[in-house]
C-alpha atoms as a PDB file:
ATOM      1  CA  MET A   1       2.148  23.133 -21.002  1.00  0.00           C
ATOM      2  CA  LYS A   2       0.556  20.793 -19.232  1.00  0.00           C
ATOM      3  CA  ILE A   3       2.139  16.819 -19.726  1.00  0.00           C
ATOM      4  CA  LEU A   4       0.468  13.279 -19.533  1.00  0.00           C
ATOM      5  CA  LEU A   5       2.383  11.064 -17.437  1.00  0.00           C
ATOM      6  CA  THR A   6       2.138   6.908 -17.568  1.00  0.00           C
ATOM      7  CA  GLY A   7       3.957   4.658 -15.345  1.00  0.00           C
ATOM      8  CA  SER A   8       4.910   7.282 -12.785  1.00  0.00           C
ATOM      9  CA  THR A   9       6.036   4.735 -10.226  1.00  0.00           C
ATOM     10  CA  GLY A  10       7.654   2.116 -12.627  1.00  0.00           C
ATOM     11  CA  PHE A  11      11.608   2.240 -12.139  1.00  0.00           C
ATOM     12  CA  LEU A  12      11.503   4.991 -15.823  1.00  0.00           C
ATOM     13  CA  GLY A  13       8.703   7.099 -14.871  1.00  0.00           C
ATOM     14  CA  SER A  14       9.687   7.860 -11.440  1.00  0.00           C
ATOM     15  CA  ALA A  15      12.879   9.229 -12.258  1.00  0.00           C
ATOM     16  CA  LEU A  16      10.998  10.981 -15.149  1.00  0.00           C
ATOM     17  CA  LEU A  17       8.758  12.480 -12.783  1.00  0.00           C
ATOM     18  CA  SER A  18      11.061  13.492 -10.065  1.00  0.00           C
ATOM     19  CA  GLU A  19      12.479  16.096 -13.122  1.00  0.00           C
ATOM     20  CA  LEU A  20       9.303  17.431 -14.434  1.00  0.00           C
ATOM     21  CA  VAL A  21       8.397  17.913 -10.726  1.00  0.00           C
ATOM     22  CA  ASN A  22      11.979  19.905  -9.961  1.00  0.00           C
ATOM     23  CA  ARG A  23      11.390  21.868 -13.611  1.00  0.00           C
ATOM     24  CA  GLY A  24       7.761  23.296 -12.213  1.00  0.00           C
ATOM     25  CA  ALA A  25       5.734  21.769 -15.236  1.00  0.00           C
ATOM     26  CA  GLU A  26       2.545  21.532 -14.510  1.00  0.00           C
ATOM     27  CA  LEU A  27       1.288  17.577 -15.061  1.00  0.00           C
ATOM     28  CA  ILE A  28      -1.217  15.392 -14.405  1.00  0.00           C
ATOM     29  CA  THR A  29       0.415  10.904 -14.378  1.00  0.00           C
ATOM     30  CA  ILE A  30      -2.282   7.768 -15.001  1.00  0.00           C
ATOM     31  CA  GLY A  31      -1.791   5.273 -12.499  1.00  0.00           C
ATOM     32  CA  ARG A  32      -3.298   2.802 -10.607  1.00  0.00           C
ATOM     33  CA  ASP A  33      -2.580   3.549  -6.857  1.00  0.00           C
ATOM     34  CA  LYS A  34      -5.999   4.803  -5.888  1.00  0.00           C
ATOM     35  CA  ASN A  35      -5.248   5.688  -2.206  1.00  0.00           C
ATOM     36  CA  LYS A  36      -2.124   8.069  -2.828  1.00  0.00           C
ATOM     37  CA  GLN A  37      -1.799  11.450  -1.802  1.00  0.00           C
ATOM     38  CA  LYS A  38      -0.613  13.088  -5.083  1.00  0.00           C
ATOM     39  CA  SER A  39       0.863  16.858  -5.476  1.00  0.00           C
ATOM     40  CA  HIS A  40      -0.511  16.986  -9.473  1.00  0.00           C
ATOM     41  CA  ASP A  41      -3.364  16.050 -11.241  1.00  0.00           C
ATOM     42  CA  TYR A  42      -3.793  12.326 -10.945  1.00  0.00           C
ATOM     43  CA  ILE A  43      -6.366  10.330 -13.110  1.00  0.00           C
ATOM     44  CA  TYR A  44      -6.671   6.150 -11.370  1.00  0.00           C
ATOM     45  CA  THR A  45      -7.446   3.889 -13.829  1.00  0.00           C
ATOM     46  CA  GLU A  46      -7.668   0.455 -12.482  1.00  0.00           C
ATOM     47  CA  ASN A  47      -5.470  -1.471 -15.497  1.00  0.00           C
ATOM     48  CA  LEU A  48      -3.838  -0.007 -18.892  1.00  0.00           C
ATOM     49  CA  SER A  49      -6.061  -1.774 -21.718  1.00  0.00           C
ATOM     50  CA  SER A  50      -8.863  -1.486 -24.683  1.00  0.00           C
ATOM     51  CA  GLU A  51     -11.644   0.015 -21.783  1.00  0.00           C
ATOM     52  CA  SER A  52      -9.434   2.341 -20.000  1.00  0.00           C
ATOM     53  CA  GLN A  53     -11.345   5.942 -20.698  1.00  0.00           C
ATOM     54  CA  PHE A  54      -9.546   9.080 -18.607  1.00  0.00           C
ATOM     55  CA  ASN A  55     -11.233  11.931 -19.805  1.00  0.00           C
ATOM     56  CA  LEU A  56      -8.613  13.970 -21.168  1.00  0.00           C
ATOM     57  CA  ASP A  57     -10.812  16.563 -22.729  1.00  0.00           C
ATOM     58  CA  ALA A  58     -11.185  17.415 -19.063  1.00  0.00           C
ATOM     59  CA  HIS A  59      -7.696  18.181 -18.914  1.00  0.00           C
ATOM     60  CA  LYS A  60      -6.533  19.734 -21.765  1.00  0.00           C
ATOM     61  CA  CYS A  61      -3.306  18.778 -21.839  1.00  0.00           C
ATOM     62  CA  ASP A  62      -0.275  19.294 -24.538  1.00  0.00           C
ATOM     63  CA  VAL A  63       2.144  16.686 -24.526  1.00  0.00           C
ATOM     64  CA  ALA A  64       1.562  12.605 -23.574  1.00  0.00           C
ATOM     65  CA  ILE A  65       4.549  10.565 -21.965  1.00  0.00           C
ATOM     66  CA  HIS A  66       3.326   7.261 -22.621  1.00  0.00           C
ATOM     67  CA  CYS A  67       6.157   5.107 -19.852  1.00  0.00           C
ATOM     68  CA  ALA A  68       3.472   2.281 -18.685  1.00  0.00           C
ATOM     69  CA  ALA A  69       3.631  -0.816 -20.522  1.00  0.00           C
ATOM     70  CA  ARG A  70       3.613  -4.913 -19.507  1.00  0.00           C
ATOM     71  CA  VAL A  71       6.959  -6.029 -19.352  1.00  0.00           C
ATOM     72  CA  HIS A  72       9.161  -9.064 -18.756  1.00  0.00           C
ATOM     73  CA  VAL A  73       7.237 -11.226 -16.095  1.00  0.00           C
ATOM     74  CA  MET A  74       9.073 -13.822 -14.390  1.00  0.00           C
ATOM     75  CA  ASN A  75       7.777 -17.391 -13.467  1.00  0.00           C
ATOM     76  CA  GLU A  76       5.004 -16.525 -16.960  1.00  0.00           C
ATOM     77  CA  SER A  77       2.188 -18.392 -16.262  1.00  0.00           C
ATOM     78  CA  SER A  78      -0.085 -16.970 -18.847  1.00  0.00           C
ATOM     79  CA  ILE A  79      -1.339 -19.865 -21.863  1.00  0.00           C
ATOM     80  CA  ASN A  80      -0.451 -17.313 -24.445  1.00  0.00           C
ATOM     81  CA  PRO A  81       1.752 -14.647 -22.466  1.00  0.00           C
ATOM     82  CA  LEU A  82       1.729 -13.038 -26.318  1.00  0.00           C
ATOM     83  CA  ASP A  83      -2.309 -12.037 -25.708  1.00  0.00           C
ATOM     84  CA  GLU A  84      -1.439 -10.473 -22.149  1.00  0.00           C
ATOM     85  CA  PHE A  85       1.431  -8.397 -23.596  1.00  0.00           C
ATOM     86  CA  ARG A  86      -0.908  -7.290 -25.985  1.00  0.00           C
ATOM     87  CA  LYS A  87      -3.574  -6.496 -23.786  1.00  0.00           C
ATOM     88  CA  VAL A  88      -1.109  -3.499 -22.106  1.00  0.00           C
ATOM     89  CA  ASN A  89       0.898  -2.553 -24.922  1.00  0.00           C
ATOM     90  CA  VAL A  90      -1.008  -2.997 -27.743  1.00  0.00           C
ATOM     91  CA  TYR A  91      -4.824  -2.379 -26.799  1.00  0.00           C
ATOM     92  CA  GLY A  92      -4.175  -0.075 -23.796  1.00  0.00           C
ATOM     93  CA  THR A  93      -1.389   2.053 -25.444  1.00  0.00           C
ATOM     94  CA  LEU A  94      -3.088   2.549 -28.907  1.00  0.00           C
ATOM     95  CA  PHE A  95      -6.752   3.300 -27.179  1.00  0.00           C
ATOM     96  CA  LEU A  96      -4.911   5.585 -24.404  1.00  0.00           C
ATOM     97  CA  ALA A  97      -3.114   7.782 -27.921  1.00  0.00           C
ATOM     98  CA  GLN A  98      -6.923   7.747 -29.695  1.00  0.00           C
ATOM     99  CA  GLN A  99      -7.866   9.287 -26.456  1.00  0.00           C
ATOM    100  CA  ALA A 100      -5.394  11.550 -26.473  1.00  0.00           C
ATOM    101  CA  ALA A 101      -5.411  13.000 -29.964  1.00  0.00           C
ATOM    102  CA  ALA A 102      -9.695  13.749 -29.433  1.00  0.00           C
ATOM    103  CA  SER A 103      -8.352  15.389 -26.692  1.00  0.00           C
ATOM    104  CA  GLY A 104      -6.014  17.933 -28.566  1.00  0.00           C
ATOM    105  CA  ILE A 105      -2.776  16.516 -27.463  1.00  0.00           C
ATOM    106  CA  LYS A 106       0.147  17.398 -29.659  1.00  0.00           C
ATOM    107  CA  ARG A 107       2.683  15.312 -28.941  1.00  0.00           C
ATOM    108  CA  PHE A 108       2.538  11.683 -27.768  1.00  0.00           C
ATOM    109  CA  ILE A 109       6.056  10.513 -26.965  1.00  0.00           C
ATOM    110  CA  PHE A 110       5.660   6.408 -26.563  1.00  0.00           C
ATOM    111  CA  ILE A 111       9.215   4.729 -24.970  1.00  0.00           C
ATOM    112  CA  SER A 112       9.135   0.934 -26.823  1.00  0.00           C
ATOM    113  CA  SER A 113      12.458  -0.718 -26.268  1.00  0.00           C
ATOM    114  CA  ILE A 114      15.447  -2.099 -28.438  1.00  0.00           C
ATOM    115  CA  LYS A 115      14.342  -6.070 -28.840  1.00  0.00           C
ATOM    116  CA  VAL A 116      12.253  -4.341 -31.497  1.00  0.00           C
ATOM    117  CA  ASN A 117      15.067  -4.149 -33.729  1.00  0.00           C
ATOM    118  CA  GLY A 118      16.256  -8.122 -32.411  1.00  0.00           C
ATOM    119  CA  GLU A 119      18.543  -9.321 -29.256  1.00  0.00           C
ATOM    120  CA  SER A 120      21.868  -9.188 -31.159  1.00  0.00           C
ATOM    121  CA  THR A 121      23.637  -8.038 -32.762  1.00  0.00           C
ATOM    122  CA  SER A 122      27.516 -10.194 -32.185  1.00  0.00           C
ATOM    123  CA  TYR A 123      27.462 -11.458 -36.066  1.00  0.00           C
ATOM    124  CA  LEU A 124      25.471  -8.005 -37.342  1.00  0.00           C
ATOM    125  CA  PRO A 125      26.563  -4.339 -37.573  1.00  0.00           C
ATOM    126  CA  ALA A 126      25.046  -1.813 -35.145  1.00  0.00           C
ATOM    127  CA  PHE A 127      21.376  -1.588 -35.366  1.00  0.00           C
ATOM    128  CA  THR A 128      19.940   1.606 -36.634  1.00  0.00           C
ATOM    129  CA  GLU A 129      16.277   3.370 -37.115  1.00  0.00           C
ATOM    130  CA  TYR A 130      16.163   1.588 -40.247  1.00  0.00           C
ATOM    131  CA  SER A 131      17.612  -1.374 -39.824  1.00  0.00           C
ATOM    132  CA  ALA A 132      14.702  -4.454 -40.623  1.00  0.00           C
ATOM    133  CA  LEU A 133      12.448  -4.493 -36.984  1.00  0.00           C
ATOM    134  CA  ALA A 134      13.168  -8.640 -35.838  1.00  0.00           C
ATOM    135  CA  PRO A 135      11.008  -8.825 -32.553  1.00  0.00           C
ATOM    136  CA  GLU A 136      11.599 -12.145 -31.300  1.00  0.00           C
ATOM    137  CA  ASP A 137       9.621 -12.449 -27.872  1.00  0.00           C
ATOM    138  CA  PRO A 138       5.911 -11.578 -26.828  1.00  0.00           C
ATOM    139  CA  TYR A 139       7.412  -8.016 -25.130  1.00  0.00           C
ATOM    140  CA  SER A 140       9.459  -7.344 -28.249  1.00  0.00           C
ATOM    141  CA  ILE A 141       6.454  -8.225 -30.445  1.00  0.00           C
ATOM    142  CA  SER A 142       3.974  -5.946 -28.410  1.00  0.00           C
ATOM    143  CA  LYS A 143       5.781  -3.082 -28.522  1.00  0.00           C
ATOM    144  CA  LYS A 144       6.687  -3.022 -32.495  1.00  0.00           C
ATOM    145  CA  GLU A 145       2.647  -3.931 -33.380  1.00  0.00           C
ATOM    146  CA  ALA A 146       2.150  -0.551 -30.939  1.00  0.00           C
ATOM    147  CA  GLU A 147       4.911   1.376 -32.443  1.00  0.00           C
ATOM    148  CA  ASP A 148       2.492   0.273 -35.631  1.00  0.00           C
ATOM    149  CA  GLY A 149      -0.228   1.228 -34.284  1.00  0.00           C
ATOM    150  CA  LEU A 150       0.568   4.562 -33.420  1.00  0.00           C
ATOM    151  CA  ARG A 151       2.227   5.875 -36.863  1.00  0.00           C
ATOM    152  CA  LYS A 152      -1.258   4.538 -38.023  1.00  0.00           C
ATOM    153  CA  ILE A 153      -3.130   6.960 -35.659  1.00  0.00           C
ATOM    154  CA  SER A 154      -0.387   9.452 -36.116  1.00  0.00           C
ATOM    155  CA  ARG A 155      -1.494   8.907 -39.850  1.00  0.00           C
ATOM    156  CA  ASP A 156      -4.839   9.909 -39.257  1.00  0.00           C
ATOM    157  CA  THR A 157      -4.698  12.883 -36.629  1.00  0.00           C
ATOM    158  CA  GLY A 158      -2.334  14.741 -36.846  1.00  0.00           C
ATOM    159  CA  MET A 159      -1.255  14.053 -33.084  1.00  0.00           C
ATOM    160  CA  GLU A 160       2.622  13.896 -33.715  1.00  0.00           C
ATOM    161  CA  VAL A 161       4.261  10.555 -32.162  1.00  0.00           C
ATOM    162  CA  VAL A 162       7.453  10.334 -31.167  1.00  0.00           C
ATOM    163  CA  ILE A 163       9.506   6.910 -30.244  1.00  0.00           C
ATOM    164  CA  LEU A 164      11.646   5.641 -28.078  1.00  0.00           C
ATOM    165  CA  ARG A 165      14.043   2.184 -28.109  1.00  0.00           C
ATOM    166  CA  PRO A 166      15.830   2.276 -25.740  1.00  0.00           C
ATOM    167  CA  PRO A 167      18.103  -0.525 -24.474  1.00  0.00           C
ATOM    168  CA  LEU A 168      18.960  -1.937 -20.781  1.00  0.00           C
ATOM    169  CA  VAL A 169      18.239   1.165 -18.618  1.00  0.00           C
ATOM    170  CA  TYR A 170      19.814   1.421 -15.291  1.00  0.00           C
ATOM    171  CA  GLY A 171      20.467   3.716 -12.210  1.00  0.00           C
ATOM    172  CA  PRO A 172      19.558   3.602  -9.462  1.00  0.00           C
ATOM    173  CA  GLY A 173      16.809   1.540  -7.522  1.00  0.00           C
ATOM    174  CA  VAL A 174      17.194  -0.283 -10.864  1.00  0.00           C
ATOM    175  CA  LYS A 175      15.617  -3.735 -10.990  1.00  0.00           C
ATOM    176  CA  ALA A 176      15.424  -7.828 -12.720  1.00  0.00           C
ATOM    177  CA  ASN A 177      18.687  -8.851 -14.463  1.00  0.00           C
ATOM    178  CA  PHE A 178      20.978  -5.304 -14.235  1.00  0.00           C
ATOM    179  CA  TYR A 179      20.108  -5.733  -9.587  1.00  0.00           C
ATOM    180  CA  ASN A 180      21.603  -9.695  -9.969  1.00  0.00           C
ATOM    181  CA  LEU A 181      25.027  -8.494 -11.515  1.00  0.00           C
ATOM    182  CA  LEU A 182      25.526  -5.405  -8.861  1.00  0.00           C
ATOM    183  CA  LYS A 183      25.202  -8.100  -6.156  1.00  0.00           C
ATOM    184  CA  LEU A 184      26.906 -10.295  -8.190  1.00  0.00           C
ATOM    185  CA  ALA A 185      29.620  -7.546  -8.095  1.00  0.00           C
ATOM    186  CA  ASN A 186      29.252  -6.833  -4.440  1.00  0.00           C
ATOM    187  CA  THR A 187      30.835 -10.050  -2.730  1.00  0.00           C
ATOM    188  CA  GLY A 188      34.786  -9.846  -4.381  1.00  0.00           C
ATOM    189  CA  PHE A 189      34.657 -13.197  -5.312  1.00  0.00           C
ATOM    190  CA  PRO A 190      36.994 -14.120  -8.640  1.00  0.00           C
ATOM    191  CA  LEU A 191      33.932 -13.873 -11.632  1.00  0.00           C
ATOM    192  CA  PRO A 192      34.654 -15.694 -15.070  1.00  0.00           C
ATOM    193  CA  PHE A 193      33.861 -12.969 -17.126  1.00  0.00           C
ATOM    194  CA  GLY A 194      37.266 -12.092 -17.845  1.00  0.00           C
ATOM    195  CA  ALA A 195      37.410 -13.322 -21.145  1.00  0.00           C
ATOM    196  CA  VAL A 196      33.677 -11.359 -22.093  1.00  0.00           C
ATOM    197  CA  HIS A 197      35.009  -8.700 -24.313  1.00  0.00           C
ATOM    198  CA  ASN A 198      31.592  -8.082 -25.677  1.00  0.00           C
ATOM    199  CA  PHE A 199      28.945  -4.628 -27.120  1.00  0.00           C
ATOM    200  CA  ARG A 200      26.701  -3.975 -24.980  1.00  0.00           C
ATOM    201  CA  SER A 201      24.679  -0.429 -25.357  1.00  0.00           C
ATOM    202  CA  MET A 202      23.001   1.041 -22.811  1.00  0.00           C
ATOM    203  CA  ILE A 203      21.403   3.769 -21.021  1.00  0.00           C
ATOM    204  CA  TYR A 204      21.799   5.449 -17.725  1.00  0.00           C
ATOM    205  CA  VAL A 205      18.184   6.103 -16.729  1.00  0.00           C
ATOM    206  CA  GLY A 206      19.011  10.003 -15.702  1.00  0.00           C
ATOM    207  CA  ASN A 207      20.632  10.554 -20.073  1.00  0.00           C
ATOM    208  CA  LEU A 208      17.386   8.668 -21.381  1.00  0.00           C
ATOM    209  CA  VAL A 209      14.664  11.206 -19.126  1.00  0.00           C
ATOM    210  CA  ASP A 210      16.714  14.473 -20.443  1.00  0.00           C
ATOM    211  CA  PHE A 211      16.588  13.328 -23.924  1.00  0.00           C
ATOM    212  CA  ILE A 212      13.046  12.261 -23.195  1.00  0.00           C
ATOM    213  CA  LEU A 213      12.056  16.240 -21.436  1.00  0.00           C
ATOM    214  CA  THR A 214      14.461  16.539 -24.890  1.00  0.00           C
ATOM    215  CA  CYS A 215      11.386  15.150 -26.981  1.00  0.00           C
ATOM    216  CA  ILE A 216       8.119  17.592 -25.309  1.00  0.00           C
ATOM    217  CA  ASP A 217       9.547  20.555 -27.294  1.00  0.00           C
ATOM    218  CA  HIS A 218      11.799  19.882 -30.129  1.00  0.00           C
ATOM    219  CA  PRO A 219      10.167  20.500 -33.724  1.00  0.00           C
ATOM    220  CA  ALA A 220      12.395  17.924 -35.032  1.00  0.00           C
ATOM    221  CA  ALA A 221      11.901  14.905 -32.742  1.00  0.00           C
ATOM    222  CA  ALA A 222       8.738  14.584 -34.389  1.00  0.00           C
ATOM    223  CA  ASN A 223       7.049  11.459 -35.936  1.00  0.00           C
ATOM    224  CA  GLN A 224      10.697  10.033 -35.782  1.00  0.00           C
ATOM    225  CA  THR A 225      12.281   7.135 -33.702  1.00  0.00           C
ATOM    226  CA  PHE A 226      14.969   7.383 -32.009  1.00  0.00           C
ATOM    227  CA  LEU A 227      17.488   4.686 -31.041  1.00  0.00           C
ATOM    228  CA  LEU A 228      19.570   6.049 -27.451  1.00  0.00           C
ATOM    229  CA  SER A 229      22.486   4.983 -25.347  1.00  0.00           C
ATOM    230  CA  ASP A 230      25.374   6.324 -23.690  1.00  0.00           C
ATOM    231  CA  ARG A 231      27.631   5.685 -26.997  1.00  0.00           C
ATOM    232  CA  ARG A 232      30.485   4.444 -25.273  1.00  0.00           C
ATOM    233  CA  ASP A 233      29.367   0.531 -24.855  1.00  0.00           C
ATOM    234  CA  LEU A 234      30.887  -1.477 -22.526  1.00  0.00           C
ATOM    235  CA  SER A 235      32.275  -5.562 -22.674  1.00  0.00           C
ATOM    236  CA  LEU A 236      30.559  -7.649 -19.514  1.00  0.00           C
ATOM    237  CA  ALA A 237      34.613  -8.013 -18.127  1.00  0.00           C
ATOM    238  CA  GLU A 238      34.733  -3.711 -18.763  1.00  0.00           C
ATOM    239  CA  LEU A 239      31.086  -3.173 -16.585  1.00  0.00           C
ATOM    240  CA  LEU A 240      31.909  -5.269 -13.577  1.00  0.00           C
ATOM    241  CA  ILE A 241      35.735  -3.447 -13.596  1.00  0.00           C
ATOM    242  CA  LEU A 242      33.435  -0.034 -13.244  1.00  0.00           C
ATOM    243  CA  LEU A 243      31.236  -1.571 -10.244  1.00  0.00           C
ATOM    244  CA  ARG A 244      34.400  -2.642  -8.009  1.00  0.00           C
ATOM    245  CA  LYS A 245      35.807   0.147  -8.692  1.00  0.00           C
ATOM    246  CA  SER A 246      32.436   2.414  -7.817  1.00  0.00           C
ATOM    247  CA  MET A 247      32.591  -0.487  -4.938  1.00  0.00           C
ATOM    248  CA  ASP A 248      35.445  -0.783  -3.874  1.00  0.00           C
ATOM    249  CA  ARG A 249      35.590  -4.075  -4.618  1.00  0.00           C
ATOM    250  CA  PRO A 250      39.037  -6.198  -5.384  1.00  0.00           C
ATOM    251  CA  ILE A 251      37.968  -6.741  -9.495  1.00  0.00           C
ATOM    252  CA  ARG A 252      38.751 -10.720  -9.647  1.00  0.00           C
ATOM    253  CA  LEU A 253      37.595 -10.942 -13.109  1.00  0.00           C
ATOM    254  CA  ILE A 254      39.320 -15.049 -14.609  1.00  0.00           C
ATOM    255  CA  PRO A 255      39.294 -14.680 -17.923  1.00  0.00           C
ATOM    256  CA  VAL A 256      37.408 -17.925 -19.096  1.00  0.00           C
ATOM    257  CA  PRO A 257      37.233 -18.995 -22.647  1.00  0.00           C
ATOM    258  CA  ILE A 258      33.743 -17.945 -24.145  1.00  0.00           C
ATOM    259  CA  PHE A 259      33.552 -21.380 -25.931  1.00  0.00           C
ATOM    260  CA  VAL A 260      32.830 -22.708 -21.851  1.00  0.00           C
ATOM    261  CA  PHE A 261      30.375 -20.592 -21.497  1.00  0.00           C
ATOM    262  CA  ARG A 262      28.443 -21.340 -24.673  1.00  0.00           C
ATOM    263  CA  VAL A 263      28.615 -25.421 -23.888  1.00  0.00           C
ATOM    264  CA  ALA A 264      27.458 -25.172 -20.453  1.00  0.00           C
ATOM    265  CA  GLY A 265      23.947 -23.099 -21.907  1.00  0.00           C
ATOM    266  CA  PHE A 266      23.615 -26.055 -24.803  1.00  0.00           C
ATOM    267  CA  VAL A 267      23.725 -28.405 -21.378  1.00  0.00           C
ATOM    268  CA  THR A 268      21.252 -26.435 -19.308  1.00  0.00           C
ATOM    269  CA  GLY A 269      19.344 -25.483 -22.442  1.00  0.00           C
ATOM    270  CA  LYS A 270      19.736 -21.942 -21.164  1.00  0.00           C
ATOM    271  CA  GLY A 271      21.730 -20.651 -24.459  1.00  0.00           C
ATOM    272  CA  ALA A 272      19.504 -18.011 -24.704  1.00  0.00           C
ATOM    273  CA  TYR A 273      20.931 -16.631 -21.486  1.00  0.00           C
ATOM    274  CA  ILE A 274      24.079 -17.179 -21.929  1.00  0.00           C
ATOM    275  CA  ASP A 275      23.813 -15.133 -25.115  1.00  0.00           C
ATOM    276  CA  ARG A 276      22.681 -11.796 -23.882  1.00  0.00           C
ATOM    277  CA  LEU A 277      25.407 -12.570 -21.191  1.00  0.00           C
ATOM    278  CA  VAL A 278      28.856 -12.473 -23.514  1.00  0.00           C
ATOM    279  CA  GLY A 279      27.127 -11.440 -27.625  1.00  0.00           C
ATOM    280  CA  SER A 280      26.965  -8.478 -28.371  1.00  0.00           C
ATOM    281  CA  LEU A 281      23.530  -6.293 -28.724  1.00  0.00           C
ATOM    282  CA  GLN A 282      25.215  -2.698 -30.545  1.00  0.00           C
ATOM    283  CA  LEU A 283      22.760   1.160 -31.568  1.00  0.00           C
ATOM    284  CA  ASP A 284      24.097   3.250 -33.201  1.00  0.00           C
ATOM    285  CA  GLY A 285      22.038   6.258 -31.431  1.00  0.00           C
ATOM    286  CA  SER A 286      23.538   9.160 -34.035  1.00  0.00           C
ATOM    287  CA  LYS A 287      20.254  10.597 -34.758  1.00  0.00           C
ATOM    288  CA  SER A 288      20.118  12.069 -31.866  1.00  0.00           C
ATOM    289  CA  GLN A 289      22.403  14.382 -32.244  1.00  0.00           C
ATOM    290  CA  GLU A 290      22.756  14.559 -35.392  1.00  0.00           C
ATOM    291  CA  LEU A 291      18.762  16.296 -35.859  1.00  0.00           C
ATOM    292  CA  LEU A 292      18.142  17.042 -31.985  1.00  0.00           C
ATOM    293  CA  ASN A 293      21.760  18.351 -31.072  1.00  0.00           C
ATOM    294  CA  TRP A 294      21.318  16.166 -27.812  1.00  0.00           C
ATOM    295  CA  GLN A 295      24.297  14.793 -26.090  1.00  0.00           C
ATOM    296  CA  PRO A 296      24.497  12.397 -22.365  1.00  0.00           C
ATOM    297  CA  PRO A 297      24.706  15.175 -19.680  1.00  0.00           C
ATOM    298  CA  PHE A 298      26.082  12.354 -17.164  1.00  0.00           C
ATOM    299  CA  SER A 299      29.109  10.204 -18.505  1.00  0.00           C
ATOM    300  CA  VAL A 300      29.324   6.347 -17.747  1.00  0.00           C
ATOM    301  CA  GLU A 301      31.285   5.929 -14.800  1.00  0.00           C
ATOM    302  CA  GLN A 302      29.054   9.189 -13.225  1.00  0.00           C
ATOM    303  CA  GLY A 303      26.314   6.363 -13.502  1.00  0.00           C
ATOM    304  CA  ILE A 304      27.858   3.718 -12.615  1.00  0.00           C
ATOM    305  CA  LYS A 305      29.223   5.618  -9.568  1.00  0.00           C
ATOM    306  CA  ALA A 306      25.198   6.444  -8.732  1.00  0.00           C
ATOM    307  CA  THR A 307      23.642   3.593  -9.001  1.00  0.00           C
ATOM    308  CA  ALA A 308      26.356   1.540  -6.996  1.00  0.00           C
ATOM    309  CA  ASP A 309      26.152   4.191  -4.744  1.00  0.00           C
ATOM    310  CA  TYR A 310      22.403   3.621  -3.693  1.00  0.00           C
ATOM    311  CA  PHE A 311      22.517  -0.569  -4.505  1.00  0.00           C
ATOM    312  CA  LEU A 312      24.544   0.171  -1.927  1.00  0.00           C
ATOM    313  CA  LYS A 313      23.043   2.164   0.768  1.00  0.00           C
ATOM    314  CA  GLY A 314      20.440  -0.494   0.406  1.00  0.00           C
ATOM    315  CA  GLU A 315      22.669  -3.359   0.914  1.00  0.00           C
ATOM    316  CA  GLU A 316      23.281  -1.520   4.857  1.00  0.00           C
END
C-alpha cells in the first residue's frame, strides 16, 4: 500500500511521517521544501491551491492523508481572512481530493477540527459526531466547507472519505497556546488558576497518529466522521498540576474566583480569550471505540511527560 501525505513538516504531519517511516510504509509526500533531500518520493508545490497540479497518476497511491492546512495566523493582516483560509483549506483541499479520486486513490483521510462543532460546551453537552455544527471563525468555517466538499466528491466518485475532528493536539514540539502554557508552568511562579475547574478535551499527538494509522485500512472507517480525544478531560488547574509535576516544579496554584477572570476579560476586551482559558470544550469520542475498537495507546500522564521533557530539553 502506498500512502500520500501532505503537511509532513508540520507538528502533526512530522509525527505521522516518522511513525510511517518506522513502520516501513511506502510513502510519497507533498510539500513546499524545494531543496531538502527526501528518503521517499516527494512532490514539490509552491502552495496548496485550486491551481496545484500533482500528477498523482504517475505515483499510484492507495490512500491520501491530508494534514496540510492554513491554521491560525497571529497578527492576521489580510483584509478578508476567510478568503485566505478558503484558498488553502477549501479550494486547495478539494482540488487535491479531485485529483486523488481521478488517480484511483481509494481513501482520503482529512484532518479537520473540533472547532467545526463550536468553540465551547460550557453550557452544552459534550460534542458528538451528530451535534449541530457551529463554526465561528474563518479557520473553522473553511474546515466545515472543506468537509462538505469532500463528502460531495465521495458521493460523485466513490472515493472513501474519513474526517477526523481533533481538539487541541499536544506533544513534543507543540507550539502556540500550549507552548505558552509550558513556559508559564516552567516558571514555578504562583499562578491564579487553582479554582478553574473547567473541562477540556485534548489529544496527545501519539494517540492521534495511532488513530490515523488505524483509519488507513480499517473497513469500518470508510465515509465516517470521528471526534477524538485522550478520553480524559482536564481542567486548567489539573493540566497545570500535571505539567508542573512533570517539570519538578512546585504546584503553587492560587484559587482566584472565575468571575475575576470574566471581569478582566470584559475590561480588556479579551472575553473570547478568557472563555477559552476558563471555559469548557468537551467531546464524546466513544464512536471510535464502538466502531473501530480503538483505544488511545498513551495515557494523559505519558503524553504530558513526553511534552514537558521535550520542552525542558529545548530550554537547557
